[in-house]
Amino acid sequence: CCVCGQSGATIMCSVPECDRWFHLPCAKEGGCVNLYVTPFSSFCPEHRPEQEVEVTPEPDTICSICLEPVEDRMTFTTLVCPMCKRAWFHRDCIQGQAMSAGLLCLKCPLCRDSETFLVDLFLLGIRIPFRLPTWEDNDAFAELGVRHGQCNARDCLYPGGREEAEEEGPWQLLLCSSCAAEGTHRRCSGLRNSTDRWECDTC
């Protein structure tokens, strides 16, 4: 292995005249690049692909993901968005973002470009899984779609309790027409059966 010097290296640099080999776990530490798209090429530190964007970060530029300073020039560990040329990243930060967002949601945090941004990341060895973002796992945001369903009147008069209501009439549950975060049975707030709009005390 050209990184650790131990035997058992199984990945060879894809440049035909290069005879360097390395272990997969050593690749990141040694600055090697593995492309996770066809033809799944791998490159040693000498032959790895570099970003072709000709730009250097302004003084005190920070990573758009972790908000920590980046190097003062483009390197293996410091990348830039090829479209806006203003969003800088640490390689580890954009790799983490890619694993979280997946191919369908990964974009430049500043200019929101996805097409050119993704192609560049693929060619620089950033692994981007083809799946929905991890924040969609296990219906993590399902409760945002749940409608408020209880009477918030100080004294709820409905015999069935605050969380029960009828489809119409005095025991129909009206939600606040401004925030929809509180509700009341018509009778609990002294409303007529014909009333179809109500606002909570907060609103």
N, C-alpha and C. Protein backbone atom coordinates (compact mmCIF):
# COMPACT_ATOMS: atom_id res chain seq x y z
N CYS A 1 0.86 -1.19 0.00
CA CYS A 1 0.00 0.00 0.00
C CYS A 1 0.89 1.23 0.00
N CYS A 2 0.60 2.17 -0.90
CA CYS A 2 1.42 3.38 -1.00
C CYS A 2 1.16 4.35 0.15
N VAL A 3 0.16 4.06 0.97
CA VAL A 3 -0.15 4.93 2.10
C VAL A 3 0.45 4.38 3.40
N CYS A 4 0.11 3.13 3.74
CA CYS A 4 0.56 2.57 5.02
C CYS A 4 1.78 1.67 4.90
N GLY A 5 2.11 1.24 3.67
CA GLY A 5 3.29 0.40 3.47
C GLY A 5 3.08 -1.06 3.80
N GLN A 6 1.86 -1.44 4.17
CA GLN A 6 1.58 -2.84 4.50
C GLN A 6 1.12 -3.60 3.27
N SER A 7 1.15 -4.91 3.35
CA SER A 7 0.71 -5.75 2.23
C SER A 7 -0.82 -5.86 2.22
N GLY A 8 -1.34 -6.47 1.17
CA GLY A 8 -2.77 -6.70 1.07
C GLY A 8 -3.54 -5.60 0.38
N ALA A 9 -2.87 -4.64 -0.22
CA ALA A 9 -3.56 -3.56 -0.93
C ALA A 9 -4.30 -4.14 -2.14
N THR A 10 -5.53 -3.76 -2.32
CA THR A 10 -6.35 -4.35 -3.39
C THR A 10 -6.79 -3.36 -4.45
N ILE A 11 -6.50 -2.06 -4.26
CA ILE A 11 -6.94 -1.06 -5.23
C ILE A 11 -5.73 -0.47 -5.94
N MET A 12 -5.76 -0.52 -7.27
CA MET A 12 -4.65 -0.02 -8.07
C MET A 12 -5.05 1.29 -8.73
N CYS A 13 -4.14 2.22 -8.81
CA CYS A 13 -4.38 3.49 -9.49
C CYS A 13 -4.77 3.19 -10.94
N SER A 14 -5.81 3.89 -11.43
CA SER A 14 -6.35 3.62 -12.77
C SER A 14 -5.50 4.17 -13.90
N VAL A 15 -4.49 4.97 -13.59
CA VAL A 15 -3.60 5.47 -14.64
C VAL A 15 -2.68 4.31 -15.04
N PRO A 16 -2.70 3.91 -16.33
CA PRO A 16 -2.00 2.69 -16.76
C PRO A 16 -0.53 2.65 -16.38
N GLU A 17 0.18 3.78 -16.48
CA GLU A 17 1.63 3.74 -16.21
C GLU A 17 1.95 3.82 -14.73
N CYS A 18 0.94 3.94 -13.86
CA CYS A 18 1.18 4.04 -12.42
C CYS A 18 1.08 2.65 -11.79
N ASP A 19 2.02 2.35 -10.89
CA ASP A 19 2.00 1.04 -10.24
C ASP A 19 1.69 1.14 -8.75
N ARG A 20 1.02 2.22 -8.34
CA ARG A 20 0.69 2.37 -6.92
C ARG A 20 -0.60 1.61 -6.58
N TRP A 21 -0.57 0.98 -5.41
CA TRP A 21 -1.72 0.26 -4.87
C TRP A 21 -2.03 0.83 -3.49
N PHE A 22 -3.29 0.66 -3.04
CA PHE A 22 -3.62 1.10 -1.68
C PHE A 22 -4.84 0.33 -1.16
N HIS A 23 -4.95 0.31 0.16
CA HIS A 23 -6.13 -0.27 0.81
C HIS A 23 -7.27 0.74 0.75
N LEU A 24 -8.50 0.26 0.69
CA LEU A 24 -9.65 1.17 0.70
C LEU A 24 -9.69 2.04 1.96
N PRO A 25 -9.46 1.47 3.16
CA PRO A 25 -9.48 2.33 4.36
C PRO A 25 -8.35 3.36 4.39
N CYS A 26 -7.28 3.13 3.63
CA CYS A 26 -6.15 4.07 3.61
C CYS A 26 -6.36 5.21 2.63
N ALA A 27 -7.34 5.06 1.73
CA ALA A 27 -7.50 6.03 0.64
C ALA A 27 -7.68 7.45 1.14
N LYS A 28 -8.60 7.66 2.07
CA LYS A 28 -8.88 9.00 2.56
C LYS A 28 -7.66 9.59 3.26
N GLU A 29 -7.03 8.81 4.13
CA GLU A 29 -5.87 9.29 4.87
C GLU A 29 -4.73 9.66 3.93
N GLY A 30 -4.59 8.89 2.85
CA GLY A 30 -3.48 9.12 1.94
C GLY A 30 -3.78 10.07 0.80
N GLY A 31 -5.00 10.61 0.75
CA GLY A 31 -5.34 11.54 -0.32
C GLY A 31 -5.64 10.85 -1.64
N CYS A 32 -5.99 9.57 -1.60
CA CYS A 32 -6.39 8.86 -2.82
C CYS A 32 -7.86 9.15 -3.10
N VAL A 33 -8.27 8.95 -4.32
CA VAL A 33 -9.65 9.22 -4.71
C VAL A 33 -10.26 8.00 -5.37
N ASN A 34 -11.44 7.61 -4.89
CA ASN A 34 -12.22 6.54 -5.51
C ASN A 34 -13.48 7.16 -6.09
N LEU A 35 -13.77 6.89 -7.35
CA LEU A 35 -14.98 7.40 -7.98
C LEU A 35 -16.09 6.37 -7.81
N TYR A 36 -17.24 6.81 -7.32
CA TYR A 36 -18.35 5.90 -7.03
C TYR A 36 -19.38 5.89 -8.15
N VAL A 37 -18.92 6.19 -9.37
CA VAL A 37 -19.76 6.09 -10.57
C VAL A 37 -18.97 5.33 -11.62
N THR A 38 -19.68 4.75 -12.58
CA THR A 38 -19.03 4.00 -13.65
C THR A 38 -17.98 4.86 -14.35
N PRO A 39 -16.77 4.36 -14.56
CA PRO A 39 -16.31 2.97 -14.42
C PRO A 39 -15.64 2.67 -13.07
N PHE A 40 -15.98 3.41 -12.01
CA PHE A 40 -15.48 3.16 -10.67
C PHE A 40 -13.95 3.16 -10.60
N SER A 41 -13.38 4.21 -11.17
CA SER A 41 -11.92 4.33 -11.20
C SER A 41 -11.38 4.77 -9.83
N SER A 42 -10.11 4.49 -9.59
CA SER A 42 -9.43 4.91 -8.37
C SER A 42 -8.11 5.55 -8.75
N PHE A 43 -7.68 6.52 -7.95
CA PHE A 43 -6.47 7.25 -8.27
C PHE A 43 -5.61 7.47 -7.04
N CYS A 44 -4.31 7.37 -7.23
CA CYS A 44 -3.36 7.63 -6.16
C CYS A 44 -3.26 9.14 -5.95
N PRO A 45 -2.56 9.59 -4.91
CA PRO A 45 -2.46 11.04 -4.66
C PRO A 45 -1.85 11.82 -5.81
N GLU A 46 -0.96 11.20 -6.57
CA GLU A 46 -0.30 11.92 -7.67
C GLU A 46 -1.22 12.10 -8.87
N HIS A 47 -2.12 11.16 -9.10
CA HIS A 47 -2.95 11.19 -10.30
C HIS A 47 -4.43 11.48 -10.03
N ARG A 48 -4.77 11.80 -8.81
CA ARG A 48 -6.18 12.03 -8.48
C ARG A 48 -6.71 13.26 -9.22
N PRO A 49 -8.01 13.29 -9.52
CA PRO A 49 -8.60 14.46 -10.19
C PRO A 49 -8.63 15.68 -9.26
N GLU A 50 -8.43 16.84 -9.83
CA GLU A 50 -8.46 18.09 -9.07
C GLU A 50 -9.57 18.97 -9.62
N GLN A 51 -10.10 19.85 -8.82
CA GLN A 51 -11.11 20.79 -9.32
C GLN A 51 -10.47 21.74 -10.32
N GLU A 52 -11.20 22.03 -11.39
CA GLU A 52 -10.68 22.89 -12.44
C GLU A 52 -11.09 24.35 -12.26
N VAL A 53 -11.84 24.64 -11.20
CA VAL A 53 -12.29 26.02 -10.95
C VAL A 53 -11.09 26.85 -10.52
N GLU A 54 -10.87 27.97 -11.20
CA GLU A 54 -9.74 28.84 -10.87
C GLU A 54 -10.21 29.96 -9.96
N VAL A 55 -10.17 29.70 -8.67
CA VAL A 55 -10.62 30.68 -7.68
C VAL A 55 -9.95 30.34 -6.35
N THR A 56 -9.69 31.34 -5.57
CA THR A 56 -9.14 31.13 -4.23
C THR A 56 -10.07 31.78 -3.21
N PRO A 57 -10.17 31.21 -2.02
CA PRO A 57 -11.08 31.78 -1.03
C PRO A 57 -10.59 33.12 -0.50
N GLU A 58 -11.55 33.97 -0.17
CA GLU A 58 -11.22 35.24 0.48
C GLU A 58 -10.64 34.96 1.86
N PRO A 59 -9.91 35.90 2.43
CA PRO A 59 -9.42 35.69 3.80
C PRO A 59 -10.57 35.43 4.76
N ASP A 60 -10.34 34.53 5.71
CA ASP A 60 -11.32 34.17 6.73
C ASP A 60 -12.57 33.50 6.16
N THR A 61 -12.45 32.86 5.01
CA THR A 61 -13.58 32.13 4.45
C THR A 61 -13.86 30.90 5.30
N ILE A 62 -15.16 30.64 5.51
CA ILE A 62 -15.54 29.48 6.33
C ILE A 62 -16.27 28.44 5.49
N CYS A 63 -16.26 27.22 5.97
CA CYS A 63 -16.98 26.12 5.34
C CYS A 63 -18.48 26.41 5.45
N SER A 64 -19.19 26.27 4.34
CA SER A 64 -20.62 26.56 4.33
C SER A 64 -21.44 25.54 5.12
N ILE A 65 -20.81 24.47 5.57
CA ILE A 65 -21.53 23.44 6.32
C ILE A 65 -21.20 23.49 7.80
N CYS A 66 -19.92 23.42 8.16
CA CYS A 66 -19.56 23.39 9.59
C CYS A 66 -19.24 24.78 10.14
N LEU A 67 -19.09 25.77 9.25
CA LEU A 67 -18.81 27.17 9.63
C LEU A 67 -17.44 27.34 10.29
N GLU A 68 -16.54 26.40 10.04
CA GLU A 68 -15.16 26.52 10.50
C GLU A 68 -14.30 27.01 9.33
N PRO A 69 -13.15 27.64 9.58
CA PRO A 69 -12.32 28.16 8.49
C PRO A 69 -11.84 27.06 7.53
N VAL A 70 -11.72 27.42 6.26
CA VAL A 70 -11.13 26.52 5.27
C VAL A 70 -9.72 27.00 4.96
N GLU A 71 -8.98 26.18 4.23
CA GLU A 71 -7.62 26.58 3.86
C GLU A 71 -7.66 27.79 2.94
N ASP A 72 -6.54 28.44 2.77
CA ASP A 72 -6.49 29.66 1.96
C ASP A 72 -6.35 29.38 0.47
N ARG A 73 -6.47 28.12 0.10
CA ARG A 73 -6.42 27.75 -1.33
C ARG A 73 -7.15 26.43 -1.50
N MET A 74 -7.43 26.09 -2.76
CA MET A 74 -8.09 24.84 -3.04
C MET A 74 -7.10 23.69 -2.89
N THR A 75 -7.47 22.67 -2.11
CA THR A 75 -6.61 21.51 -1.90
C THR A 75 -7.47 20.26 -1.94
N PHE A 76 -6.87 19.14 -1.61
CA PHE A 76 -7.63 17.88 -1.55
C PHE A 76 -8.75 17.98 -0.52
N THR A 77 -8.50 18.67 0.57
CA THR A 77 -9.49 18.74 1.65
C THR A 77 -10.38 19.98 1.59
N THR A 78 -10.13 20.88 0.65
CA THR A 78 -10.93 22.10 0.52
C THR A 78 -11.50 22.19 -0.90
N LEU A 79 -12.84 22.22 -1.00
CA LEU A 79 -13.51 22.24 -2.29
C LEU A 79 -14.40 23.47 -2.39
N VAL A 80 -14.80 23.81 -3.62
CA VAL A 80 -15.66 24.97 -3.84
C VAL A 80 -16.76 24.60 -4.82
N CYS A 81 -17.91 25.24 -4.70
CA CYS A 81 -18.99 25.03 -5.66
C CYS A 81 -18.55 25.56 -7.02
N PRO A 82 -18.62 24.75 -8.09
CA PRO A 82 -18.15 25.19 -9.40
C PRO A 82 -19.06 26.23 -10.05
N MET A 83 -20.30 26.38 -9.55
CA MET A 83 -21.22 27.33 -10.16
C MET A 83 -21.07 28.72 -9.56
N CYS A 84 -21.30 28.85 -8.26
CA CYS A 84 -21.26 30.19 -7.65
C CYS A 84 -19.84 30.60 -7.25
N LYS A 85 -18.96 29.63 -7.05
CA LYS A 85 -17.56 29.89 -6.67
C LYS A 85 -17.45 30.67 -5.36
N ARG A 86 -18.50 30.61 -4.55
CA ARG A 86 -18.49 31.31 -3.26
C ARG A 86 -18.67 30.36 -2.08
N ALA A 87 -19.25 29.19 -2.36
CA ALA A 87 -19.50 28.22 -1.29
C ALA A 87 -18.31 27.27 -1.19
N TRP A 88 -17.60 27.36 -0.07
CA TRP A 88 -16.43 26.52 0.16
C TRP A 88 -16.76 25.44 1.19
N PHE A 89 -16.12 24.29 1.05
CA PHE A 89 -16.40 23.16 1.93
C PHE A 89 -15.14 22.42 2.30
N HIS A 90 -15.15 21.81 3.47
CA HIS A 90 -14.17 20.77 3.77
C HIS A 90 -14.66 19.50 3.07
N ARG A 91 -13.76 18.69 2.58
CA ARG A 91 -14.14 17.45 1.91
C ARG A 91 -14.99 16.58 2.83
N ASP A 92 -14.59 16.45 4.09
CA ASP A 92 -15.35 15.62 5.03
C ASP A 92 -16.76 16.18 5.25
N CYS A 93 -16.89 17.50 5.26
CA CYS A 93 -18.21 18.11 5.49
C CYS A 93 -19.15 17.85 4.33
N ILE A 94 -18.67 18.02 3.10
CA ILE A 94 -19.56 17.82 1.96
C ILE A 94 -19.85 16.33 1.78
N GLN A 95 -18.91 15.46 2.19
CA GLN A 95 -19.18 14.02 2.13
C GLN A 95 -20.28 13.65 3.12
N GLY A 96 -20.22 14.22 4.32
CA GLY A 96 -21.27 13.97 5.30
C GLY A 96 -22.62 14.48 4.84
N GLN A 97 -22.61 15.67 4.23
CA GLN A 97 -23.85 16.25 3.71
C GLN A 97 -24.42 15.38 2.59
N ALA A 98 -23.54 14.86 1.74
CA ALA A 98 -23.98 14.00 0.63
C ALA A 98 -24.62 12.72 1.15
N MET A 99 -24.03 12.12 2.18
CA MET A 99 -24.58 10.89 2.74
C MET A 99 -25.94 11.15 3.39
N SER A 100 -26.12 12.33 3.93
CA SER A 100 -27.39 12.66 4.58
C SER A 100 -28.47 13.05 3.56
N ALA A 101 -28.11 13.89 2.59
CA ALA A 101 -29.10 14.41 1.65
C ALA A 101 -29.43 13.43 0.53
N GLY A 102 -28.45 12.63 0.11
CA GLY A 102 -28.69 11.73 -1.01
C GLY A 102 -28.73 12.48 -2.33
N LEU A 103 -28.75 11.73 -3.41
CA LEU A 103 -28.69 12.32 -4.75
C LEU A 103 -29.88 13.23 -5.05
N LEU A 104 -31.03 12.93 -4.49
CA LEU A 104 -32.24 13.67 -4.84
C LEU A 104 -32.34 15.04 -4.18
N CYS A 105 -31.58 15.28 -3.12
CA CYS A 105 -31.72 16.56 -2.40
C CYS A 105 -30.43 17.33 -2.22
N LEU A 106 -29.30 16.78 -2.66
CA LEU A 106 -28.04 17.49 -2.46
C LEU A 106 -27.91 18.66 -3.42
N LYS A 107 -27.67 19.84 -2.87
CA LYS A 107 -27.50 21.06 -3.66
C LYS A 107 -26.45 21.92 -2.99
N CYS A 108 -25.92 22.89 -3.74
CA CYS A 108 -25.04 23.88 -3.13
C CYS A 108 -25.85 24.69 -2.12
N PRO A 109 -25.37 24.83 -0.90
CA PRO A 109 -26.13 25.57 0.11
C PRO A 109 -26.35 27.05 -0.23
N LEU A 110 -25.50 27.61 -1.08
CA LEU A 110 -25.63 29.04 -1.40
C LEU A 110 -26.43 29.29 -2.67
N CYS A 111 -26.00 28.72 -3.78
CA CYS A 111 -26.66 29.03 -5.05
C CYS A 111 -27.75 28.02 -5.41
N ARG A 112 -27.85 26.93 -4.66
CA ARG A 112 -28.87 25.89 -4.85
C ARG A 112 -28.71 25.13 -6.16
N ASP A 113 -27.58 25.27 -6.84
CA ASP A 113 -27.35 24.50 -8.05
C ASP A 113 -27.20 23.03 -7.69
N SER A 114 -27.72 22.17 -8.53
CA SER A 114 -27.56 20.74 -8.26
C SER A 114 -26.84 20.03 -9.40
N GLU A 115 -27.17 20.34 -10.63
CA GLU A 115 -26.62 19.57 -11.75
C GLU A 115 -25.10 19.67 -11.85
N THR A 116 -24.57 20.86 -12.04
CA THR A 116 -23.12 21.04 -12.15
C THR A 116 -22.43 20.68 -10.85
N PHE A 117 -23.05 21.02 -9.75
CA PHE A 117 -22.52 20.74 -8.42
C PHE A 117 -22.33 19.24 -8.21
N LEU A 118 -23.36 18.45 -8.55
CA LEU A 118 -23.29 17.00 -8.36
C LEU A 118 -22.26 16.36 -9.27
N VAL A 119 -22.22 16.77 -10.52
CA VAL A 119 -21.24 16.20 -11.46
C VAL A 119 -19.83 16.42 -10.94
N ASP A 120 -19.55 17.64 -10.47
CA ASP A 120 -18.22 17.95 -9.96
C ASP A 120 -17.89 17.09 -8.74
N LEU A 121 -18.84 16.92 -7.84
CA LEU A 121 -18.59 16.10 -6.65
C LEU A 121 -18.35 14.65 -7.02
N PHE A 122 -19.11 14.12 -7.97
CA PHE A 122 -18.90 12.74 -8.41
C PHE A 122 -17.47 12.55 -8.92
N LEU A 123 -17.01 13.52 -9.73
CA LEU A 123 -15.69 13.41 -10.34
C LEU A 123 -14.55 13.62 -9.35
N LEU A 124 -14.88 14.17 -8.18
CA LEU A 124 -13.86 14.39 -7.15
C LEU A 124 -13.87 13.29 -6.09
N GLY A 125 -14.69 12.27 -6.32
CA GLY A 125 -14.69 11.12 -5.42
C GLY A 125 -15.61 11.23 -4.24
N ILE A 126 -16.59 12.14 -4.29
CA ILE A 126 -17.56 12.24 -3.21
C ILE A 126 -18.65 11.19 -3.47
N ARG A 127 -18.90 10.36 -2.49
CA ARG A 127 -19.93 9.32 -2.64
C ARG A 127 -21.29 9.93 -2.34
N ILE A 128 -22.22 9.84 -3.31
CA ILE A 128 -23.56 10.38 -3.15
C ILE A 128 -24.56 9.25 -3.37
N PRO A 129 -25.16 8.73 -2.32
CA PRO A 129 -26.08 7.60 -2.48
C PRO A 129 -27.36 8.00 -3.21
N PHE A 130 -27.86 7.07 -4.01
CA PHE A 130 -29.09 7.30 -4.76
C PHE A 130 -30.27 6.88 -3.88
N ARG A 131 -30.75 7.81 -3.07
CA ARG A 131 -31.86 7.53 -2.16
C ARG A 131 -32.41 8.85 -1.62
N LEU A 132 -33.55 8.73 -0.94
CA LEU A 132 -34.14 9.90 -0.30
C LEU A 132 -33.26 10.34 0.86
N PRO A 133 -33.36 11.59 1.28
CA PRO A 133 -32.54 12.06 2.40
C PRO A 133 -32.88 11.34 3.70
N THR A 134 -31.89 11.23 4.58
CA THR A 134 -32.11 10.51 5.83
C THR A 134 -33.13 11.20 6.72
N TRP A 135 -33.34 12.51 6.51
CA TRP A 135 -34.32 13.18 7.35
C TRP A 135 -35.75 12.77 7.00
N GLU A 136 -35.92 12.00 5.91
CA GLU A 136 -37.24 11.48 5.56
C GLU A 136 -37.46 10.08 6.13
N ASP A 137 -36.44 9.50 6.77
CA ASP A 137 -36.56 8.15 7.30
C ASP A 137 -37.60 8.07 8.41
N ASN A 138 -38.28 6.94 8.46
CA ASN A 138 -39.23 6.64 9.54
C ASN A 138 -40.27 7.73 9.74
N ASP A 139 -40.69 8.37 8.63
CA ASP A 139 -41.71 9.43 8.72
C ASP A 139 -41.37 10.46 9.79
N ALA A 140 -40.12 10.93 9.77
CA ALA A 140 -39.65 11.85 10.81
C ALA A 140 -40.50 13.11 10.92
N PHE A 141 -41.12 13.54 9.81
CA PHE A 141 -41.90 14.77 9.83
C PHE A 141 -43.39 14.51 9.72
N ALA A 142 -43.80 13.28 9.98
CA ALA A 142 -45.21 12.93 9.83
C ALA A 142 -46.11 13.77 10.72
N GLU A 143 -45.63 14.10 11.91
CA GLU A 143 -46.47 14.84 12.85
C GLU A 143 -46.78 16.26 12.36
N LEU A 144 -45.98 16.77 11.39
CA LEU A 144 -46.27 18.10 10.86
C LEU A 144 -47.58 18.12 10.09
N GLY A 145 -47.99 16.95 9.61
CA GLY A 145 -49.24 16.88 8.85
C GLY A 145 -50.44 16.52 9.71
N VAL A 146 -50.23 16.37 11.01
CA VAL A 146 -51.33 16.01 11.90
C VAL A 146 -52.13 17.25 12.27
N ARG A 147 -53.42 17.18 12.07
CA ARG A 147 -54.32 18.30 12.37
C ARG A 147 -54.59 18.36 13.87
N HIS A 148 -54.63 19.57 14.42
CA HIS A 148 -54.96 19.74 15.84
C HIS A 148 -56.34 19.13 16.09
N GLY A 149 -56.49 18.41 17.19
CA GLY A 149 -57.74 17.67 17.37
C GLY A 149 -58.33 17.69 18.77
N GLN A 150 -58.20 18.81 19.48
CA GLN A 150 -58.83 18.86 20.80
C GLN A 150 -59.35 20.25 21.11
N CYS A 151 -60.31 20.29 22.03
CA CYS A 151 -60.89 21.56 22.47
C CYS A 151 -59.97 22.18 23.51
N ASN A 152 -59.60 23.45 23.30
CA ASN A 152 -58.72 24.14 24.24
C ASN A 152 -59.46 25.16 25.11
N ALA A 153 -60.79 25.10 25.09
CA ALA A 153 -61.54 26.01 25.95
C ALA A 153 -61.19 25.73 27.41
N ARG A 154 -61.21 26.76 28.23
CA ARG A 154 -60.84 26.58 29.64
C ARG A 154 -61.71 25.51 30.29
N ASP A 155 -63.02 25.56 30.01
CA ASP A 155 -63.94 24.55 30.52
C ASP A 155 -64.60 23.86 29.33
N CYS A 156 -64.14 22.66 29.00
CA CYS A 156 -64.75 21.91 27.90
C CYS A 156 -66.03 21.27 28.41
N LEU A 157 -67.14 21.52 27.71
CA LEU A 157 -68.46 21.04 28.16
C LEU A 157 -68.89 19.74 27.50
N TYR A 158 -68.14 19.28 26.52
CA TYR A 158 -68.57 18.09 25.77
C TYR A 158 -68.47 16.85 26.65
N PRO A 159 -69.53 16.07 26.77
CA PRO A 159 -69.51 14.88 27.63
C PRO A 159 -68.45 13.86 27.22
N GLY A 160 -68.10 13.84 25.95
CA GLY A 160 -67.11 12.86 25.48
C GLY A 160 -65.67 13.26 25.76
N GLY A 161 -65.43 14.50 26.18
CA GLY A 161 -64.08 14.95 26.49
C GLY A 161 -63.51 15.87 25.43
N ARG A 162 -62.37 16.44 25.75
CA ARG A 162 -61.73 17.43 24.88
C ARG A 162 -61.33 16.88 23.51
N GLU A 163 -60.99 15.62 23.44
CA GLU A 163 -60.45 15.06 22.20
C GLU A 163 -61.52 14.44 21.31
N GLU A 164 -62.76 14.58 21.69
CA GLU A 164 -63.85 14.06 20.88
C GLU A 164 -64.65 15.22 20.30
N ALA A 165 -65.27 15.01 19.16
CA ALA A 165 -66.08 16.04 18.51
C ALA A 165 -67.06 15.39 17.56
N GLU A 166 -68.03 16.16 17.12
CA GLU A 166 -69.00 15.68 16.14
C GLU A 166 -68.76 16.38 14.81
N GLU A 167 -69.34 15.83 13.77
CA GLU A 167 -69.13 16.37 12.41
C GLU A 167 -69.76 17.74 12.23
N GLU A 168 -70.84 18.00 12.93
CA GLU A 168 -71.52 19.30 12.80
C GLU A 168 -72.31 19.59 14.06
N GLY A 169 -72.87 20.80 14.14
CA GLY A 169 -73.66 21.17 15.29
C GLY A 169 -72.83 21.82 16.39
N PRO A 170 -73.40 21.89 17.60
CA PRO A 170 -72.73 22.60 18.69
C PRO A 170 -71.44 21.93 19.16
N TRP A 171 -71.29 20.65 18.85
CA TRP A 171 -70.08 19.94 19.30
C TRP A 171 -69.06 19.74 18.18
N GLN A 172 -69.23 20.46 17.09
CA GLN A 172 -68.21 20.42 16.03
C GLN A 172 -66.99 21.19 16.51
N LEU A 173 -65.80 20.67 16.20
CA LEU A 173 -64.56 21.32 16.63
C LEU A 173 -64.12 22.33 15.58
N LEU A 174 -64.00 23.59 15.98
CA LEU A 174 -63.48 24.63 15.09
C LEU A 174 -62.04 24.91 15.47
N LEU A 175 -61.16 24.99 14.48
CA LEU A 175 -59.78 25.37 14.73
C LEU A 175 -59.62 26.87 14.52
N CYS A 176 -58.67 27.45 15.22
CA CYS A 176 -58.41 28.89 15.07
C CYS A 176 -58.15 29.20 13.60
N SER A 177 -58.85 30.17 13.07
CA SER A 177 -58.73 30.49 11.65
C SER A 177 -57.41 31.18 11.32
N SER A 178 -56.65 31.58 12.35
CA SER A 178 -55.35 32.22 12.11
C SER A 178 -54.18 31.25 12.28
N CYS A 179 -54.16 30.51 13.39
CA CYS A 179 -53.00 29.65 13.66
C CYS A 179 -53.29 28.16 13.56
N ALA A 180 -54.54 27.76 13.67
CA ALA A 180 -54.95 26.35 13.63
C ALA A 180 -54.26 25.49 14.69
N ALA A 181 -53.69 26.15 15.71
CA ALA A 181 -52.98 25.42 16.76
C ALA A 181 -53.84 25.22 17.99
N GLU A 182 -55.02 25.82 18.01
CA GLU A 182 -55.97 25.64 19.10
C GLU A 182 -57.35 25.42 18.51
N GLY A 183 -58.19 24.75 19.29
CA GLY A 183 -59.54 24.47 18.81
C GLY A 183 -60.56 24.63 19.92
N THR A 184 -61.82 24.63 19.51
CA THR A 184 -62.91 24.70 20.49
C THR A 184 -64.17 24.08 19.90
N HIS A 185 -64.96 23.45 20.77
CA HIS A 185 -66.32 23.09 20.36
C HIS A 185 -67.11 24.39 20.32
N ARG A 186 -68.07 24.50 19.43
CA ARG A 186 -68.85 25.73 19.35
C ARG A 186 -69.46 26.08 20.71
N ARG A 187 -70.09 25.12 21.35
CA ARG A 187 -70.78 25.42 22.60
C ARG A 187 -69.81 25.82 23.71
N CYS A 188 -68.60 25.24 23.70
CA CYS A 188 -67.63 25.55 24.75
C CYS A 188 -67.18 27.01 24.72
N SER A 189 -67.32 27.65 23.56
CA SER A 189 -66.94 29.06 23.45
C SER A 189 -68.15 29.95 23.20
N GLY A 190 -69.35 29.39 23.39
CA GLY A 190 -70.57 30.19 23.23
C GLY A 190 -70.82 30.64 21.81
N LEU A 191 -70.47 29.80 20.83
CA LEU A 191 -70.65 30.17 19.42
C LEU A 191 -71.95 29.58 18.88
N ARG A 192 -72.56 30.28 17.93
CA ARG A 192 -73.76 29.77 17.27
C ARG A 192 -73.41 28.59 16.37
N ASN A 193 -74.40 27.79 16.08
CA ASN A 193 -74.18 26.65 15.18
C ASN A 193 -73.83 27.09 13.76
N SER A 194 -74.20 28.30 13.42
CA SER A 194 -73.91 28.81 12.07
C SER A 194 -72.51 29.41 11.97
N THR A 195 -71.83 29.59 13.10
CA THR A 195 -70.49 30.18 13.10
C THR A 195 -69.48 29.17 12.51
N ASP A 196 -68.74 29.60 11.52
CA ASP A 196 -67.75 28.69 10.94
C ASP A 196 -66.32 29.20 11.04
N ARG A 197 -66.13 30.38 11.66
CA ARG A 197 -64.79 30.91 11.88
C ARG A 197 -64.64 31.32 13.33
N TRP A 198 -63.45 31.07 13.87
CA TRP A 198 -63.19 31.40 15.27
C TRP A 198 -61.70 31.65 15.44
N GLU A 199 -61.33 32.56 16.30
CA GLU A 199 -59.92 32.83 16.58
C GLU A 199 -59.66 32.60 18.07
N CYS A 200 -58.52 31.98 18.37
CA CYS A 200 -58.15 31.73 19.76
C CYS A 200 -57.76 33.05 20.44
N ASP A 201 -57.67 33.04 21.77
CA ASP A 201 -57.34 34.25 22.51
C ASP A 201 -55.96 34.80 22.13
N THR A 202 -55.03 33.93 21.83
CA THR A 202 -53.68 34.37 21.48
C THR A 202 -53.69 35.18 20.18
N CYS A 203 -54.45 34.68 19.21
CA CYS A 203 -54.48 35.38 17.91
C CYS A 203 -55.40 36.60 17.94
